[in-house]
Amino acid sequence: MTTYTDVVTMGETMALMKAETPGPLAHAGSLGLGMGGAETNVAIALKRLGTSVTWLGRVGQDSLGDLVLREVSAEGVATMGIRDPGAPTGLMIKERRTLEHLKVWYYRSGSAGSRLAPEDIPTDTIRNAKLLHLTGITPALSKSACEAALYAVSVAREAGVTVSFDLNYRAALWTEGQAGPVFRTFIELADLVFAGDDEAAIAVGRGPDSLELARKIAAMGPQQVVIKNGPLGCVGVIDGAEYRQDAVRINAVDTVGAGDAFVAGYISDLLAGASVEDRLRTAVRTGAFACLVPGDWEGMPRRHELGLLDASEPVTR
């Protein structure tokens, strides 16, 4: 039976191996095992905020695929995991060389996730959703994955479903020259676009500031454009008006996944009918929460926890 949710997202989620302490990976005595991926980071954050969500992706017919599907499903995300007996589940390995510097190694060439294709797209699930969320990672994986993403967008647009696109550039997957034209294609088809400064510049060229980058992207068609600036907060051009939102001050532990959490916070409030100001406030707070613990998605907050960033007492009784 098909499950219908407010949001549908799709992309590759990989197994994750990481050392538990900083230092050269070559000298690590053991590695922890988990999973992560931009689209499932967003999906888990949305679900924790109270928004129903479906994730679609391919994983191998292997134990790492079992891990991915178990973890995503355990978070309450409606999981449409396609098992691929002909390709392995992708893998990423994190090396924390110092407390401040993190290096991620990807082993995803020829992975099950890269074999996503248009025939995998759940058209009825998309047509019955309120929003489809994609990232620039999926079209970078392979020709068939790019075609699948474009087909999903076409299904959403024909059904009047809002299309959200986060550029999410990965230098390990393609060059800026390769990414730029593809980013522009998806931007022109999207209603809502997220990007960092450097990612936006890949699509529209450098600008004097973040707000000008947002203006350039908005001129391509999206009604809502938000530029994520990490500890500096964010700016947006939304329905023709310009906005700025400061970040929440925190002592960051691990910033991986913060951008995905930000996106989830904005989308969740958008679908709840919140004002632009409230969407941006929730986005920066959700992003901040993701930085407070190690891991890609583990620190994603529940909605009732967002106020903890304002708490004056460290213990709640």
Protein backbone atom coordinates (compact mmCIF):
# COMPACT_ATOMS: atom_id res chain seq x y z
CA MET A 1 0.00 0.00 0.00
CA THR A 2 1.32 3.43 -0.95
CA THR A 3 1.96 5.83 1.93
CA TYR A 4 1.27 9.52 1.31
CA THR A 5 3.16 12.18 3.27
CA ASP A 6 3.55 15.96 3.21
CA VAL A 7 7.14 15.82 1.94
CA VAL A 8 8.94 13.46 -0.43
CA THR A 9 12.72 13.43 -0.77
CA MET A 10 15.10 11.14 -2.62
CA GLY A 11 18.81 10.50 -2.83
CA GLU A 12 21.67 8.30 -1.71
CA THR A 13 22.18 7.42 1.94
CA MET A 14 25.43 5.66 2.76
CA ALA A 15 26.90 3.66 5.56
CA LEU A 16 29.26 5.75 7.68
CA MET A 17 32.44 4.73 9.44
CA LYS A 18 34.31 7.10 11.74
CA ALA A 19 36.96 7.12 14.42
CA GLU A 20 35.66 7.96 17.86
CA THR A 21 38.59 10.24 18.70
CA PRO A 22 40.59 12.86 16.72
CA GLY A 23 43.81 11.82 15.02
CA PRO A 24 45.12 10.15 11.86
CA LEU A 25 42.72 7.53 10.59
CA ALA A 26 45.67 5.25 9.84
CA HIS A 27 46.23 4.87 13.58
CA ALA A 28 42.60 4.43 14.64
CA GLY A 29 42.17 1.22 16.61
CA SER A 30 38.47 0.94 15.78
CA LEU A 31 35.74 2.68 13.78
CA GLY A 32 32.14 3.35 14.73
CA LEU A 33 29.44 2.35 12.26
CA GLY A 34 26.41 4.42 11.32
CA MET A 35 24.74 5.95 8.30
CA GLY A 36 24.13 9.36 6.75
CA GLY A 37 23.04 11.25 3.66
CA ALA A 38 21.79 14.76 2.98
CA GLU A 39 18.28 13.75 2.03
CA THR A 40 17.75 11.42 4.99
CA ASN A 41 19.24 14.06 7.28
CA VAL A 42 16.49 16.39 6.07
CA ALA A 43 13.86 13.65 6.33
CA ILE A 44 14.76 12.75 9.91
CA ALA A 45 14.84 16.40 10.95
CA LEU A 46 11.42 16.99 9.35
CA LYS A 47 9.91 13.99 11.09
CA ARG A 48 11.27 15.09 14.47
CA LEU A 49 9.72 18.51 13.90
CA GLY A 50 6.35 16.90 13.25
CA THR A 51 6.22 16.88 9.44
CA SER A 52 5.38 13.60 7.69
CA VAL A 53 7.98 12.61 5.12
CA THR A 54 8.89 9.85 2.65
CA TRP A 55 12.46 9.03 1.59
CA LEU A 56 13.28 7.09 -1.58
CA GLY A 57 16.69 5.61 -2.31
CA ARG A 58 18.62 2.58 -3.50
CA VAL A 59 20.81 0.48 -1.25
CA GLY A 60 22.67 -2.75 -1.82
CA GLN A 61 21.40 -6.20 -0.92
CA ASP A 62 23.94 -6.21 1.90
CA SER A 63 24.27 -5.64 5.62
CA LEU A 64 25.07 -1.96 5.15
CA GLY A 65 21.81 -1.60 3.24
CA ASP A 66 20.05 -3.29 6.16
CA LEU A 67 21.61 -0.70 8.45
CA VAL A 68 20.47 2.27 6.37
CA LEU A 69 16.89 1.09 6.02
CA ARG A 70 16.60 0.11 9.67
CA GLU A 71 17.88 3.46 10.97
CA VAL A 72 15.78 5.62 8.64
CA SER A 73 12.63 3.60 9.32
CA ALA A 74 13.26 3.70 13.07
CA GLU A 75 13.02 7.50 12.92
CA GLY A 76 9.45 7.26 11.64
CA VAL A 77 10.30 8.22 8.07
CA ALA A 78 8.22 6.41 5.43
CA THR A 79 11.01 4.50 3.71
CA MET A 80 10.91 3.40 0.07
CA GLY A 81 14.23 1.59 -0.05
CA ILE A 82 14.97 -0.25 -3.27
CA ARG A 83 17.32 -3.21 -2.73
CA ASP A 84 19.85 -3.56 -5.55
CA PRO A 85 21.52 -6.99 -5.73
CA GLY A 86 23.92 -5.77 -8.42
CA ALA A 87 25.65 -2.94 -6.54
CA PRO A 88 26.85 -2.25 -2.99
CA THR A 89 25.57 0.31 -0.53
CA GLY A 90 27.75 3.43 -0.69
CA LEU A 91 30.20 4.15 2.09
CA MET A 92 31.71 7.28 3.61
CA ILE A 93 34.52 7.41 6.13
CA LYS A 94 35.16 10.39 8.39
CA GLU A 95 38.61 11.34 9.63
CA ARG A 96 38.72 13.98 12.36
CA ARG A 97 42.37 14.97 12.06
CA THR A 98 41.98 17.69 14.71
CA LEU A 99 39.08 18.87 16.84
CA GLU A 100 38.36 21.54 14.21
CA HIS A 101 39.11 19.78 10.91
CA LEU A 102 37.04 16.95 9.46
CA LYS A 103 37.77 15.07 6.23
CA VAL A 104 35.15 12.85 4.56
CA TRP A 105 36.16 10.11 2.14
CA TYR A 106 33.47 8.79 -0.23
CA TYR A 107 33.29 5.30 -1.70
CA ARG A 108 30.20 5.61 -3.85
CA SER A 109 31.27 5.13 -7.48
CA GLY A 110 29.05 2.42 -8.94
CA SER A 111 27.05 2.21 -5.73
CA ALA A 112 23.41 1.16 -5.54
CA GLY A 113 22.45 4.76 -4.82
CA SER A 114 24.08 5.95 -8.04
CA ARG A 115 21.84 3.59 -10.02
CA LEU A 116 18.65 5.48 -9.17
CA ALA A 117 16.59 5.79 -12.37
CA PRO A 118 13.34 7.41 -13.56
CA GLU A 119 11.45 4.12 -13.27
CA ASP A 120 12.17 4.14 -9.53
CA ILE A 121 10.23 7.36 -8.95
CA PRO A 122 6.97 6.90 -6.97
CA THR A 123 4.76 9.18 -9.07
CA ASP A 124 1.59 8.80 -6.99
CA THR A 125 3.45 9.53 -3.77
CA ILE A 126 4.89 12.74 -5.25
CA ARG A 127 1.57 13.84 -6.75
CA ASN A 128 -0.11 13.53 -3.36
CA ALA A 129 2.62 15.36 -1.42
CA LYS A 130 2.79 19.06 -0.61
CA LEU A 131 6.50 19.40 -1.32
CA LEU A 132 9.28 17.53 -3.14
CA HIS A 133 12.80 18.16 -1.82
CA LEU A 134 15.93 17.41 -3.85
CA THR A 135 19.60 18.26 -3.56
CA GLY A 136 22.39 18.82 -6.06
CA ILE A 137 24.04 15.62 -4.85
CA THR A 138 21.64 13.29 -6.66
CA PRO A 139 22.20 14.65 -10.19
CA ALA A 140 25.96 14.49 -9.55
CA LEU A 141 25.89 10.73 -8.90
CA SER A 142 25.20 9.52 -12.44
CA LYS A 143 23.31 10.23 -15.66
CA SER A 144 20.42 8.00 -14.59
CA ALA A 145 20.23 9.62 -11.15
CA CYS A 146 20.09 13.07 -12.75
CA GLU A 147 17.33 11.88 -15.08
CA ALA A 148 15.45 10.47 -12.10
CA ALA A 149 15.66 13.80 -10.28
CA LEU A 150 14.45 15.71 -13.31
CA TYR A 151 11.58 13.28 -13.80
CA ALA A 152 10.55 13.65 -10.16
CA VAL A 153 10.52 17.44 -10.60
CA SER A 154 8.37 17.15 -13.72
CA VAL A 155 5.86 14.97 -11.86
CA ALA A 156 5.72 17.47 -8.99
CA ARG A 157 5.30 20.52 -11.24
CA GLU A 158 2.50 18.90 -13.24
CA ALA A 159 0.67 18.15 -9.97
CA GLY A 160 1.22 21.61 -8.49
CA VAL A 161 3.52 20.26 -5.78
CA THR A 162 6.10 22.72 -4.42
CA VAL A 163 9.65 21.90 -5.53
CA SER A 164 12.51 22.57 -3.10
CA PHE A 165 16.15 22.38 -4.21
CA ASP A 166 19.29 22.64 -2.08
CA LEU A 167 22.40 23.05 -4.25
CA ASN A 168 24.59 21.05 -1.81
CA TYR A 169 27.73 21.01 -3.96
CA ARG A 170 30.12 18.08 -3.50
CA ALA A 171 33.55 18.65 -5.06
CA ALA A 172 34.31 14.92 -4.79
CA LEU A 173 31.49 14.17 -7.27
CA TRP A 174 31.97 16.80 -9.99
CA THR A 175 33.67 20.05 -10.87
CA GLU A 176 32.12 23.49 -10.53
CA GLY A 177 32.04 23.70 -14.32
CA GLN A 178 30.02 20.50 -14.52
CA ALA A 179 27.73 21.46 -11.68
CA GLY A 180 26.88 24.99 -12.79
CA PRO A 181 24.62 24.21 -15.79
CA VAL A 182 22.82 21.46 -13.87
CA PHE A 183 22.26 23.73 -10.88
CA ARG A 184 20.77 26.37 -13.18
CA THR A 185 18.41 23.82 -14.72
CA PHE A 186 17.05 22.78 -11.34
CA ILE A 187 16.89 26.37 -10.05
CA GLU A 188 14.69 27.36 -12.98
CA LEU A 189 12.33 24.47 -12.15
CA ALA A 190 12.22 25.06 -8.38
CA ASP A 191 9.90 27.13 -6.20
CA LEU A 192 12.25 27.15 -3.20
CA VAL A 193 16.07 27.20 -3.37
CA PHE A 194 18.68 26.87 -0.63
CA ALA A 195 22.41 27.46 -1.07
CA GLY A 196 25.57 28.60 0.63
CA ASP A 197 27.48 31.58 -0.78
CA ASP A 198 30.04 29.45 -2.64
CA GLU A 199 27.36 27.14 -4.01
CA ALA A 200 25.24 30.04 -5.23
CA ALA A 201 28.30 31.49 -6.99
CA ILE A 202 28.71 28.24 -8.95
CA ALA A 203 25.25 28.80 -10.41
CA VAL A 204 25.06 32.57 -10.88
CA GLY A 205 28.59 33.92 -10.49
CA ARG A 206 30.12 35.89 -7.66
CA GLY A 207 28.25 38.78 -6.10
CA PRO A 208 29.16 41.55 -3.67
CA ASP A 209 27.22 39.86 -0.87
CA SER A 210 24.82 37.04 -0.01
CA LEU A 211 21.73 39.13 -0.65
CA GLU A 212 22.82 39.88 -4.20
CA LEU A 213 23.36 36.16 -4.80
CA ALA A 214 19.82 35.53 -3.55
CA ARG A 215 18.49 38.22 -5.88
CA LYS A 216 20.26 36.63 -8.86
CA ILE A 217 18.79 33.22 -8.10
CA ALA A 218 15.31 34.68 -7.52
CA ALA A 219 15.54 36.35 -10.93
CA MET A 220 15.73 32.86 -12.45
CA GLY A 221 12.24 32.01 -11.22
CA PRO A 222 12.09 30.66 -7.64
CA GLN A 223 9.70 32.56 -5.38
CA GLN A 224 11.78 31.71 -2.28
CA VAL A 225 15.57 31.81 -2.10
CA VAL A 226 17.52 31.38 1.13
CA ILE A 227 21.29 31.72 1.42
CA LYS A 228 22.73 29.83 4.40
CA ASN A 229 25.72 31.47 6.06
CA GLY A 230 26.36 29.22 9.04
CA PRO A 231 27.46 31.26 12.09
CA LEU A 232 26.47 34.46 10.27
CA GLY A 233 22.84 33.39 9.94
CA CYS A 234 21.04 33.65 6.62
CA VAL A 235 19.48 36.00 4.10
CA GLY A 236 16.53 35.48 1.81
CA VAL A 237 14.59 36.90 -1.07
CA ILE A 238 11.07 35.58 -0.54
CA ASP A 239 8.08 36.62 -2.60
CA GLY A 240 10.02 39.71 -3.67
CA ALA A 241 10.92 40.87 -0.15
CA GLU A 242 14.38 40.73 1.42
CA TYR A 243 15.14 39.22 4.83
CA ARG A 244 18.05 38.75 7.21
CA GLN A 245 18.23 36.43 10.20
CA ASP A 246 21.08 36.18 12.71
CA ALA A 247 22.39 32.79 13.77
CA VAL A 248 22.02 31.37 17.28
CA ARG A 249 25.28 31.52 19.22
CA ILE A 250 26.49 28.06 20.22
CA ASN A 251 29.69 26.14 20.89
CA ALA A 252 29.65 23.87 17.85
CA VAL A 253 30.79 20.27 18.24
CA ASP A 254 30.16 18.95 14.69
CA THR A 255 28.72 21.08 11.88
CA VAL A 256 27.99 18.19 9.49
CA GLY A 257 24.25 18.08 8.85
CA ALA A 258 23.62 21.64 10.03
CA GLY A 259 22.61 22.82 6.56
CA ASP A 260 20.20 19.90 6.21
CA ALA A 261 18.68 20.71 9.60
CA PHE A 262 18.30 24.35 8.54
CA VAL A 263 16.41 23.27 5.41
CA ALA A 264 14.11 21.01 7.44
CA GLY A 265 13.31 23.79 9.89
CA TYR A 266 12.34 26.17 7.11
CA ILE A 267 10.27 23.60 5.20
CA SER A 268 8.44 22.38 8.30
CA ASP A 269 7.36 25.90 9.21
CA LEU A 270 6.52 26.73 5.58
CA LEU A 271 4.09 23.80 5.40
CA ALA A 272 2.64 24.79 8.78
CA GLY A 273 1.77 28.25 7.40
CA ALA A 274 4.27 30.17 9.54
CA SER A 275 5.44 33.66 8.63
CA VAL A 276 8.72 34.14 6.78
CA GLU A 277 10.31 35.52 9.94
CA ASP A 278 9.27 32.44 11.92
CA ARG A 279 10.50 30.10 9.19
CA LEU A 280 13.94 31.67 9.24
CA ARG A 281 14.10 31.70 13.04
CA THR A 282 13.20 28.02 13.19
CA ALA A 283 15.71 27.25 10.42
CA VAL A 284 18.69 28.78 12.23
CA ARG A 285 17.68 27.19 15.52
CA THR A 286 17.29 23.74 13.98
CA GLY A 287 20.64 24.15 12.23
CA ALA A 288 22.26 25.17 15.50
CA PHE A 289 20.91 22.11 17.29
CA ALA A 290 22.49 19.80 14.71
CA CYS A 291 25.91 21.22 15.62
CA LEU A 292 25.69 20.39 19.31
CA VAL A 293 26.45 16.66 19.10
CA PRO A 294 28.70 14.52 16.85
CA GLY A 295 27.02 12.96 13.84
CA ASP A 296 25.13 13.84 10.68
CA TRP A 297 21.55 13.53 12.00
CA GLU A 298 21.67 12.42 15.61
CA GLY A 299 21.36 15.96 16.99
CA MET A 300 18.27 16.93 14.99
CA PRO A 301 15.81 18.43 17.50
CA ARG A 302 12.17 17.74 18.28
CA ARG A 303 10.00 20.82 18.03
CA HIS A 304 9.46 21.02 21.78
CA GLU A 305 13.24 21.15 22.26
CA LEU A 306 13.86 24.29 20.21
CA GLY A 307 13.35 26.50 23.25
CA LEU A 308 16.25 24.83 25.04
CA LEU A 309 18.62 27.19 23.25
CA ASP A 310 17.07 30.00 25.32
CA ALA A 311 17.21 28.15 28.64
CA SER A 312 19.05 29.95 31.41
CA GLU A 313 19.35 26.81 33.55
CA PRO A 314 21.43 23.85 32.30
CA VAL A 315 19.22 21.28 34.08
CA THR A 316 15.52 20.72 33.40
CA ARG A 317 13.64 19.06 36.28
